[in-house]
Structures are given as structure tokens and as C-alpha cells.
C-alpha atoms as a PDB file:
ATOM      1  CA  UNK A   1     -27.497  -2.682  49.000  1.00  0.00           C
ATOM      2  CA  UNK A   2     -29.763  -1.474  51.673  1.00  0.00           C
ATOM      3  CA  UNK A   3     -27.079   0.430  53.348  1.00  0.00           C
ATOM      4  CA  UNK A   4     -26.423   2.426  50.180  1.00  0.00           C
ATOM      5  CA  UNK A   5     -29.936   3.290  50.314  1.00  0.00           C
ATOM      6  CA  UNK A   6     -29.988   4.445  53.846  1.00  0.00           C
ATOM      7  CA  UNK A   7     -27.011   6.723  52.675  1.00  0.00           C
ATOM      8  CA  UNK A   8     -29.139   7.840  49.767  1.00  0.00           C
ATOM      9  CA  UNK A   9     -31.905   9.179  52.200  1.00  0.00           C
ATOM     10  CA  UNK A  10     -29.794  11.555  54.055  1.00  0.00           C
ATOM     11  CA  UNK A  11     -29.039  13.326  51.219  1.00  0.00           C
ATOM     12  CA  UNK A  12     -32.293  14.097  50.386  1.00  0.00           C
ATOM     13  CA  UNK A  13     -33.850  17.593  50.267  1.00  0.00           C
ATOM     14  CA  UNK A  14     -36.612  18.636  51.928  1.00  0.00           C
ATOM     15  CA  UNK A  15     -40.032  17.021  50.483  1.00  0.00           C
ATOM     16  CA  UNK A  16     -37.876  15.148  47.816  1.00  0.00           C
ATOM     17  CA  UNK A  17     -38.423  11.255  47.681  1.00  0.00           C
ATOM     18  CA  UNK A  18     -35.691   9.019  48.955  1.00  0.00           C
ATOM     19  CA  UNK A  19     -33.765   6.501  46.423  1.00  0.00           C
ATOM     20  CA  UNK A  20     -35.526   3.526  48.083  1.00  0.00           C
ATOM     21  CA  UNK A  21     -39.160   5.215  48.004  1.00  0.00           C
ATOM     22  CA  UNK A  22     -38.633   6.019  44.066  1.00  0.00           C
ATOM     23  CA  UNK A  23     -37.185   1.860  43.749  1.00  0.00           C
ATOM     24  CA  UNK A  24     -40.226   0.703  46.026  1.00  0.00           C
ATOM     25  CA  UNK A  25     -42.706   2.897  43.769  1.00  0.00           C
ATOM     26  CA  UNK A  26     -40.922   1.581  40.695  1.00  0.00           C
ATOM     27  CA  UNK A  27     -40.882  -2.199  42.033  1.00  0.00           C
ATOM     28  CA  UNK A  28     -44.647  -1.723  42.738  1.00  0.00           C
ATOM     29  CA  UNK A  29     -45.433  -0.489  39.468  1.00  0.00           C
ATOM     30  CA  UNK A  30     -44.057  -2.980  37.726  1.00  0.00           C
ATOM     31  CA  UNK A  31     -45.403  -5.851  39.377  1.00  0.00           C
ATOM     32  CA  UNK A  32     -48.816  -4.835  39.673  1.00  0.00           C
ATOM     33  CA  UNK A  33     -48.942  -4.533  36.037  1.00  0.00           C
ATOM     34  CA  UNK A  34     -47.514  -7.928  35.773  1.00  0.00           C
ATOM     35  CA  UNK A  35     -50.430  -9.126  38.012  1.00  0.00           C
ATOM     36  CA  UNK A  36     -53.081  -7.034  36.518  1.00  0.00           C
ATOM     37  CA  UNK A  37     -52.024  -8.133  33.296  1.00  0.00           C
ATOM     38  CA  UNK A  38     -51.852 -11.944  34.178  1.00  0.00           C
ATOM     39  CA  UNK A  39     -48.513 -12.121  32.881  1.00  0.00           C
ATOM     40  CA  UNK A  40     -47.863 -13.733  36.545  1.00  0.00           C
ATOM     41  CA  UNK A  41     -51.262 -16.173  36.554  1.00  0.00           C
ATOM     42  CA  UNK A  42     -53.465 -16.363  39.766  1.00  0.00           C
ATOM     43  CA  UNK A  43     -52.641 -18.915  42.314  1.00  0.00           C
ATOM     44  CA  UNK A  44     -48.784 -18.471  40.788  1.00  0.00           C
ATOM     45  CA  UNK A  45     -46.186 -18.872  43.378  1.00  0.00           C
ATOM     46  CA  UNK A  46     -44.088 -15.554  43.622  1.00  0.00           C
ATOM     47  CA  UNK A  47     -40.092 -15.831  44.571  1.00  0.00           C
ATOM     48  CA  UNK A  48     -38.259 -13.105  45.956  1.00  0.00           C
ATOM     49  CA  UNK A  49     -35.115 -14.120  44.198  1.00  0.00           C
ATOM     50  CA  UNK A  50     -36.773 -13.999  41.218  1.00  0.00           C
ATOM     51  CA  UNK A  51     -38.666 -10.920  41.919  1.00  0.00           C
ATOM     52  CA  UNK A  52     -35.669  -9.212  42.141  1.00  0.00           C
ATOM     53  CA  UNK A  53     -33.601 -10.124  39.490  1.00  0.00           C
ATOM     54  CA  UNK A  54     -36.284  -9.676  36.923  1.00  0.00           C
ATOM     55  CA  UNK A  55     -37.354  -6.285  38.505  1.00  0.00           C
ATOM     56  CA  UNK A  56     -33.393  -5.018  38.815  1.00  0.00           C
ATOM     57  CA  UNK A  57     -34.045  -3.820  42.783  1.00  0.00           C
ATOM     58  CA  UNK A  58     -33.213  -5.390  46.039  1.00  0.00           C
ATOM     59  CA  UNK A  59     -34.937  -7.204  49.134  1.00  0.00           C
ATOM     60  CA  UNK A  60     -36.384  -3.955  50.773  1.00  0.00           C
ATOM     61  CA  UNK A  61     -38.050  -2.860  47.620  1.00  0.00           C
ATOM     62  CA  UNK A  62     -39.671  -5.840  46.295  1.00  0.00           C
ATOM     63  CA  UNK A  63     -40.825  -6.278  49.799  1.00  0.00           C
ATOM     64  CA  UNK A  64     -42.723  -3.214  50.225  1.00  0.00           C
ATOM     65  CA  UNK A  65     -43.942  -3.931  46.543  1.00  0.00           C
ATOM     66  CA  UNK A  66     -45.663  -7.368  48.442  1.00  0.00           C
ATOM     67  CA  UNK A  67     -46.371  -5.692  51.049  1.00  0.00           C
ATOM     68  CA  UNK A  68     -48.666  -3.128  49.292  1.00  0.00           C
ATOM     69  CA  UNK A  69     -50.173  -5.488  46.436  1.00  0.00           C
ATOM     70  CA  UNK A  70     -51.123  -7.518  49.406  1.00  0.00           C
ATOM     71  CA  UNK A  71     -53.188  -4.823  50.628  1.00  0.00           C
ATOM     72  CA  UNK A  72     -54.478  -4.177  47.417  1.00  0.00           C
ATOM     73  CA  UNK A  73     -55.613  -7.800  46.876  1.00  0.00           C
ATOM     74  CA  UNK A  74     -53.220  -8.829  43.938  1.00  0.00           C
ATOM     75  CA  UNK A  75     -50.876 -11.158  46.247  1.00  0.00           C
ATOM     76  CA  UNK A  76     -51.734 -13.641  49.309  1.00  0.00           C
ATOM     77  CA  UNK A  77     -49.600 -14.565  51.647  1.00  0.00           C
ATOM     78  CA  UNK A  78     -49.883 -17.559  53.414  1.00  0.00           C
ATOM     79  CA  UNK A  79     -47.738 -18.052  56.867  1.00  0.00           C
ATOM     80  CA  UNK A  80     -44.892 -21.270  55.761  1.00  0.00           C
ATOM     81  CA  UNK A  81     -46.302 -21.733  52.388  1.00  0.00           C
ATOM     82  CA  UNK A  82     -45.334 -18.815  50.275  1.00  0.00           C
ATOM     83  CA  UNK A  83     -46.438 -15.786  48.746  1.00  0.00           C
ATOM     84  CA  UNK A  84     -48.975 -16.125  45.549  1.00  0.00           C
ATOM     85  CA  UNK A  85     -50.616 -14.129  42.857  1.00  0.00           C
ATOM     86  CA  UNK A  86     -54.164 -14.154  44.323  1.00  0.00           C
ATOM     87  CA  UNK A  87     -57.051 -16.649  42.702  1.00  0.00           C
ATOM     88  CA  UNK A  88     -59.556 -14.988  40.498  1.00  0.00           C
ATOM     89  CA  UNK A  89     -63.214 -16.721  42.016  1.00  0.00           C
ATOM     90  CA  UNK A  90     -66.675 -15.969  41.195  1.00  0.00           C
ATOM     91  CA  UNK A  91     -67.406 -14.403  44.804  1.00  0.00           C
ATOM     92  CA  UNK A  92     -65.037 -12.246  44.578  1.00  0.00           C
ATOM     93  CA  UNK A  93     -65.982 -11.176  40.868  1.00  0.00           C
ATOM     94  CA  UNK A  94     -69.297  -9.930  41.848  1.00  0.00           C
ATOM     95  CA  UNK A  95     -68.181  -8.343  45.200  1.00  0.00           C
ATOM     96  CA  UNK A  96     -65.744  -6.115  43.487  1.00  0.00           C
ATOM     97  CA  UNK A  97     -68.818  -5.549  41.184  1.00  0.00           C
ATOM     98  CA  UNK A  98     -71.276  -4.403  43.567  1.00  0.00           C
ATOM     99  CA  UNK A  99     -68.339  -2.407  45.250  1.00  0.00           C
ATOM    100  CA  UNK A 100     -67.351  -0.367  42.230  1.00  0.00           C
ATOM    101  CA  UNK A 101     -71.127   0.023  41.282  1.00  0.00           C
ATOM    102  CA  UNK A 102     -71.165   2.865  44.409  1.00  0.00           C
ATOM    103  CA  UNK A 103     -67.447   4.168  43.806  1.00  0.00           C
ATOM    104  CA  UNK A 104     -67.770   5.106  40.086  1.00  0.00           C
ATOM    105  CA  UNK A 105     -71.123   6.408  40.674  1.00  0.00           C
ATOM    106  CA  UNK A 106     -69.878   8.735  43.443  1.00  0.00           C
ATOM    107  CA  UNK A 107     -66.634   9.532  41.639  1.00  0.00           C
ATOM    108  CA  UNK A 108     -68.878  10.556  38.146  1.00  0.00           C
ATOM    109  CA  UNK A 109     -71.138  12.782  40.397  1.00  0.00           C
ATOM    110  CA  UNK A 110     -68.178  14.349  41.669  1.00  0.00           C
ATOM    111  CA  UNK A 111     -66.090  15.122  38.852  1.00  0.00           C
ATOM    112  CA  UNK A 112     -69.373  16.632  37.603  1.00  0.00           C
ATOM    113  CA  UNK A 113     -68.897  19.743  39.889  1.00  0.00           C
ATOM    114  CA  UNK A 114     -65.131  19.679  40.623  1.00  0.00           C
ATOM    115  CA  UNK A 115     -63.310  18.835  37.433  1.00  0.00           C
ATOM    116  CA  UNK A 116     -62.204  21.922  35.098  1.00  0.00           C
ATOM    117  CA  UNK A 117     -63.145  22.589  31.687  1.00  0.00           C
ATOM    118  CA  UNK A 118     -59.892  21.200  30.505  1.00  0.00           C
ATOM    119  CA  UNK A 119     -60.448  18.125  32.226  1.00  0.00           C
ATOM    120  CA  UNK A 120     -63.284  17.576  30.838  1.00  0.00           C
ATOM    121  CA  UNK A 121     -62.761  18.303  27.481  1.00  0.00           C
ATOM    122  CA  UNK A 122     -60.012  16.214  27.643  1.00  0.00           C
ATOM    123  CA  UNK A 123     -62.197  13.362  29.141  1.00  0.00           C
ATOM    124  CA  UNK A 124     -64.604  14.049  25.975  1.00  0.00           C
ATOM    125  CA  UNK A 125     -61.011  13.449  23.696  1.00  0.00           C
ATOM    126  CA  UNK A 126     -60.541  10.474  25.295  1.00  0.00           C
ATOM    127  CA  UNK A 127     -64.019   8.914  25.033  1.00  0.00           C
ATOM    128  CA  UNK A 128     -63.940   9.531  21.301  1.00  0.00           C
ATOM    129  CA  UNK A 129     -60.614   7.738  20.840  1.00  0.00           C
ATOM    130  CA  UNK A 130     -62.053   4.710  22.858  1.00  0.00           C
ATOM    131  CA  UNK A 131     -65.040   4.937  20.602  1.00  0.00           C
ATOM    132  CA  UNK A 132     -63.138   5.121  17.211  1.00  0.00           C
ATOM    133  CA  UNK A 133     -60.010   2.272  18.037  1.00  0.00           C
ATOM    134  CA  UNK A 134     -60.477  -1.131  16.850  1.00  0.00           C
ATOM    135  CA  UNK A 135     -57.291  -2.032  19.119  1.00  0.00           C
ATOM    136  CA  UNK A 136     -58.025  -4.284  21.987  1.00  0.00           C
ATOM    137  CA  UNK A 137     -55.123  -3.013  23.898  1.00  0.00           C
ATOM    138  CA  UNK A 138     -55.556   0.479  22.898  1.00  0.00           C
ATOM    139  CA  UNK A 139     -59.289   0.584  23.483  1.00  0.00           C
ATOM    140  CA  UNK A 140     -57.964  -0.945  27.496  1.00  0.00           C
ATOM    141  CA  UNK A 141     -55.421   1.860  27.785  1.00  0.00           C
ATOM    142  CA  UNK A 142     -57.981   4.622  26.800  1.00  0.00           C
ATOM    143  CA  UNK A 143     -60.300   3.065  29.196  1.00  0.00           C
ATOM    144  CA  UNK A 144     -58.017   2.975  32.009  1.00  0.00           C
ATOM    145  CA  UNK A 145     -56.953   6.536  30.846  1.00  0.00           C
ATOM    146  CA  UNK A 146     -60.736   7.656  30.851  1.00  0.00           C
ATOM    147  CA  UNK A 147     -61.551   6.108  34.386  1.00  0.00           C
ATOM    148  CA  UNK A 148     -58.197   7.354  36.050  1.00  0.00           C
ATOM    149  CA  UNK A 149     -59.172  10.725  34.983  1.00  0.00           C
ATOM    150  CA  UNK A 150     -62.504  10.604  36.276  1.00  0.00           C
ATOM    151  CA  UNK A 151     -60.884   9.920  39.678  1.00  0.00           C
ATOM    152  CA  UNK A 152     -58.708  12.809  39.525  1.00  0.00           C
ATOM    153  CA  UNK A 153     -61.315  15.336  38.985  1.00  0.00           C
ATOM    154  CA  UNK A 154     -63.106  14.019  41.887  1.00  0.00           C
ATOM    155  CA  UNK A 155     -60.124  15.935  44.329  1.00  0.00           C
ATOM    156  CA  UNK A 156     -60.661  13.099  46.885  1.00  0.00           C
ATOM    157  CA  UNK A 157     -57.895  11.505  47.178  1.00  0.00           C
ATOM    158  CA  UNK A 158     -59.261   8.473  49.345  1.00  0.00           C
ATOM    159  CA  UNK A 159     -62.145   7.915  47.017  1.00  0.00           C
ATOM    160  CA  UNK A 160     -59.080   7.993  44.147  1.00  0.00           C
ATOM    161  CA  UNK A 161     -56.828   5.439  45.921  1.00  0.00           C
ATOM    162  CA  UNK A 162     -59.757   2.941  46.841  1.00  0.00           C
ATOM    163  CA  UNK A 163     -61.284   3.531  42.831  1.00  0.00           C
ATOM    164  CA  UNK A 164     -57.981   2.660  41.604  1.00  0.00           C
ATOM    165  CA  UNK A 165     -57.129  -0.680  43.340  1.00  0.00           C
ATOM    166  CA  UNK A 166     -60.873  -1.844  42.908  1.00  0.00           C
ATOM    167  CA  UNK A 167     -60.421  -0.748  38.933  1.00  0.00           C
ATOM    168  CA  UNK A 168     -57.267  -2.842  38.726  1.00  0.00           C
ATOM    169  CA  UNK A 169     -59.233  -5.740  40.485  1.00  0.00           C
ATOM    170  CA  UNK A 170     -61.781  -5.470  37.706  1.00  0.00           C
ATOM    171  CA  UNK A 171     -59.407  -4.775  34.672  1.00  0.00           C
ATOM    172  CA  UNK A 172     -57.092  -8.342  36.079  1.00  0.00           C
ATOM    173  CA  UNK A 173     -60.362 -10.204  36.026  1.00  0.00           C
ATOM    174  CA  UNK A 174     -60.998  -9.115  32.159  1.00  0.00           C
ATOM    175  CA  UNK A 175     -57.354  -9.897  31.304  1.00  0.00           C
ATOM    176  CA  UNK A 176     -57.569 -13.316  32.765  1.00  0.00           C
ATOM    177  CA  UNK A 177     -61.203 -14.523  30.678  1.00  0.00           C
ATOM    178  CA  UNK A 178     -59.124 -12.862  27.596  1.00  0.00           C
ATOM    179  CA  UNK A 179     -56.378 -15.500  28.331  1.00  0.00           C
ATOM    180  CA  UNK A 180     -58.737 -18.552  29.230  1.00  0.00           C
ATOM    181  CA  UNK A 181     -61.690 -18.354  27.004  1.00  0.00           C
ATOM    182  CA  UNK A 182     -63.006 -16.857  23.626  1.00  0.00           C
ATOM    183  CA  UNK A 183     -64.145 -13.238  25.111  1.00  0.00           C
ATOM    184  CA  UNK A 184     -66.198 -11.056  23.457  1.00  0.00           C
ATOM    185  CA  UNK A 185     -65.460  -8.045  21.378  1.00  0.00           C
ATOM    186  CA  UNK A 186     -65.447  -5.834  24.158  1.00  0.00           C
ATOM    187  CA  UNK A 187     -63.404  -2.732  21.829  1.00  0.00           C
ATOM    188  CA  UNK A 188     -66.669  -1.160  20.902  1.00  0.00           C
ATOM    189  CA  UNK A 189     -66.886   0.764  24.428  1.00  0.00           C
ATOM    190  CA  UNK A 190     -68.892   4.223  23.878  1.00  0.00           C
ATOM    191  CA  UNK A 191     -67.993   6.436  26.786  1.00  0.00           C
ATOM    192  CA  UNK A 192     -69.269   9.635  25.113  1.00  0.00           C
ATOM    193  CA  UNK A 193     -72.651   9.862  26.337  1.00  0.00           C
ATOM    194  CA  UNK A 194     -71.058   9.705  30.047  1.00  0.00           C
ATOM    195  CA  UNK A 195     -68.010  12.285  28.853  1.00  0.00           C
ATOM    196  CA  UNK A 196     -71.003  14.789  27.784  1.00  0.00           C
ATOM    197  CA  UNK A 197     -72.800  14.437  30.924  1.00  0.00           C
ATOM    198  CA  UNK A 198     -69.914  15.152  32.858  1.00  0.00           C
ATOM    199  CA  UNK A 199     -68.774  17.990  30.848  1.00  0.00           C
ATOM    200  CA  UNK A 200     -72.229  19.596  31.350  1.00  0.00           C
ATOM    201  CA  UNK A 201     -72.872  18.961  34.981  1.00  0.00           C
ATOM    202  CA  UNK A 202     -75.631  16.263  35.139  1.00  0.00           C
ATOM    203  CA  UNK A 203     -74.746  14.410  37.951  1.00  0.00           C
ATOM    204  CA  UNK A 204     -77.723  12.164  37.800  1.00  0.00           C
ATOM    205  CA  UNK A 205     -77.121  10.879  34.004  1.00  0.00           C
ATOM    206  CA  UNK A 206     -73.260  10.596  34.328  1.00  0.00           C
ATOM    207  CA  UNK A 207     -74.211   8.801  37.491  1.00  0.00           C
ATOM    208  CA  UNK A 208     -76.433   6.427  35.569  1.00  0.00           C
ATOM    209  CA  UNK A 209     -74.067   5.784  32.518  1.00  0.00           C
ATOM    210  CA  UNK A 210     -71.248   4.902  34.427  1.00  0.00           C
ATOM    211  CA  UNK A 211     -73.378   2.286  36.774  1.00  0.00           C
ATOM    212  CA  UNK A 212     -74.818   1.016  33.436  1.00  0.00           C
ATOM    213  CA  UNK A 213     -71.316   0.412  31.869  1.00  0.00           C
ATOM    214  CA  UNK A 214     -69.703  -0.978  34.861  1.00  0.00           C
ATOM    215  CA  UNK A 215     -72.750  -3.615  35.259  1.00  0.00           C
ATOM    216  CA  UNK A 216     -72.645  -4.734  31.913  1.00  0.00           C
ATOM    217  CA  UNK A 217     -68.543  -5.029  31.589  1.00  0.00           C
ATOM    218  CA  UNK A 218     -68.759  -6.672  35.406  1.00  0.00           C
ATOM    219  CA  UNK A 219     -71.993  -9.008  34.021  1.00  0.00           C
ATOM    220  CA  UNK A 220     -70.106 -10.246  31.049  1.00  0.00           C
ATOM    221  CA  UNK A 221     -67.078 -11.288  33.214  1.00  0.00           C
ATOM    222  CA  UNK A 222     -69.357 -13.133  36.014  1.00  0.00           C
ATOM    223  CA  UNK A 223     -70.886 -14.693  33.069  1.00  0.00           C
ATOM    224  CA  UNK A 224     -67.876 -16.368  31.244  1.00  0.00           C
ATOM    225  CA  UNK A 225     -66.443 -17.120  34.960  1.00  0.00           C
ATOM    226  CA  UNK A 226     -69.699 -19.195  35.721  1.00  0.00           C
ATOM    227  CA  UNK A 227     -70.130 -20.759  32.198  1.00  0.00           C
ATOM    228  CA  UNK A 228     -66.743 -21.961  32.015  1.00  0.00           C
ATOM    229  CA  UNK A 229     -66.669 -23.457  36.076  1.00  0.00           C
ATOM    230  CA  UNK A 230     -64.028 -20.733  36.718  1.00  0.00           C
END
């Protein structure tokens, strides 16, 4: 199968992604989703043969996915012991919160000056839909779309990549809490003031709103992990 990937690479036109690259991207996205949604529990051992079968790809894409997700702190590899889904610990939750407070504030500030009018209108529309929904999964999906929209508006690929990695870590913590304890109702998220601040280019207000949101949600996770000895 690996040799087939190499053959496909040779037939790829300039600037086009290779077949092996597309397979690796697909495997990484699928495995990332399982880890973030805690379909694979923290501390669970990962089996390459099982991953190949469930993802429908060969050895190389699976190993590339594992390598990339280890960098994203979703997977940990212990020499001579194996590959595992990263544990969720209180210390890590606080560290992610501290970093996201800075990343999200910077992203919101940059989005104020760099986002297009159409992007800002779309952000407001997402915030309206999220505020109105009482469906938890839709609320989560819209929250992700809202944050990713802000990241794109920064026009800074390095910031976007870093912010998305840590957003996924925070989201994974939330999914974990929702599985193991009775969590509060987090469907009533109101990003409308933040979206409006970004739309009018008010970087100070936008930064304040997004930091308040990150601090509030992150503190809820920290409190749950603390109270339940997780």
C-alpha cells in the first residue's frame, strides 16, 4: 500500500496535494475528532492495527496522524510502553486557560482590524444562532465555528494554528467533564456583544469580552475537576 502512495505522488501536478498527504490529513482529522469528543477516553491505549481498520487507511497515514496529534498534546507516547490518549489533569487545564486568555484576546483584537465586513456579519449571525439554540451539540458546533471564524480573521497563520490547538484541548476538557459528571447547562452562550464589538472595530471591548468568556468557561471546568478529584 505504501508503494501505491508513492506512485500516486509521482502523478500529482504542481501544487496539488498527494494522495498520501490527503490520507494523512483525513486520518488526522478523524482521530483528532475522536480524541477531542472523548470517544477515546483519556489514558486509553491506542492500537495501530485497530486505528488502521477503523480509519480505513494504511500504516503511514496512521503514524503521521499519531505524530501530529502528539505535537498537539492529544496523544502521548511512552517508549517501550505504547501510545495513549493524553490524560486530563487539573494542572494542564489551568495551563491551557492561562494561554487561551492571551491567545483569544490577541485574536479578537486583530480580527477587529483585519476581518472583512462579510466575515464580521457572518460572526454576528453565528452568535445569534448560538444564543437562540437550546441544543447542546449545536451550541458546541456553533461555538467552535465562532472561534475559528475569529482566528481566520486575524490573517495570521501562526496564531490560528496555535489557537486552534489549544481550543481543541479546552473543548476536550469540556467533553470529558460532560461524560463523567453532571455539568451545568452551557447552552446559553451569548457571543453577541463580542461579535458586535469586533464588527465595529472596538478591539478593547472585544478583548475584554472574549477573555471573560474564556475565563468563565475554563473556570467551570477547573471547578468540576477540583470538586470531583479529577
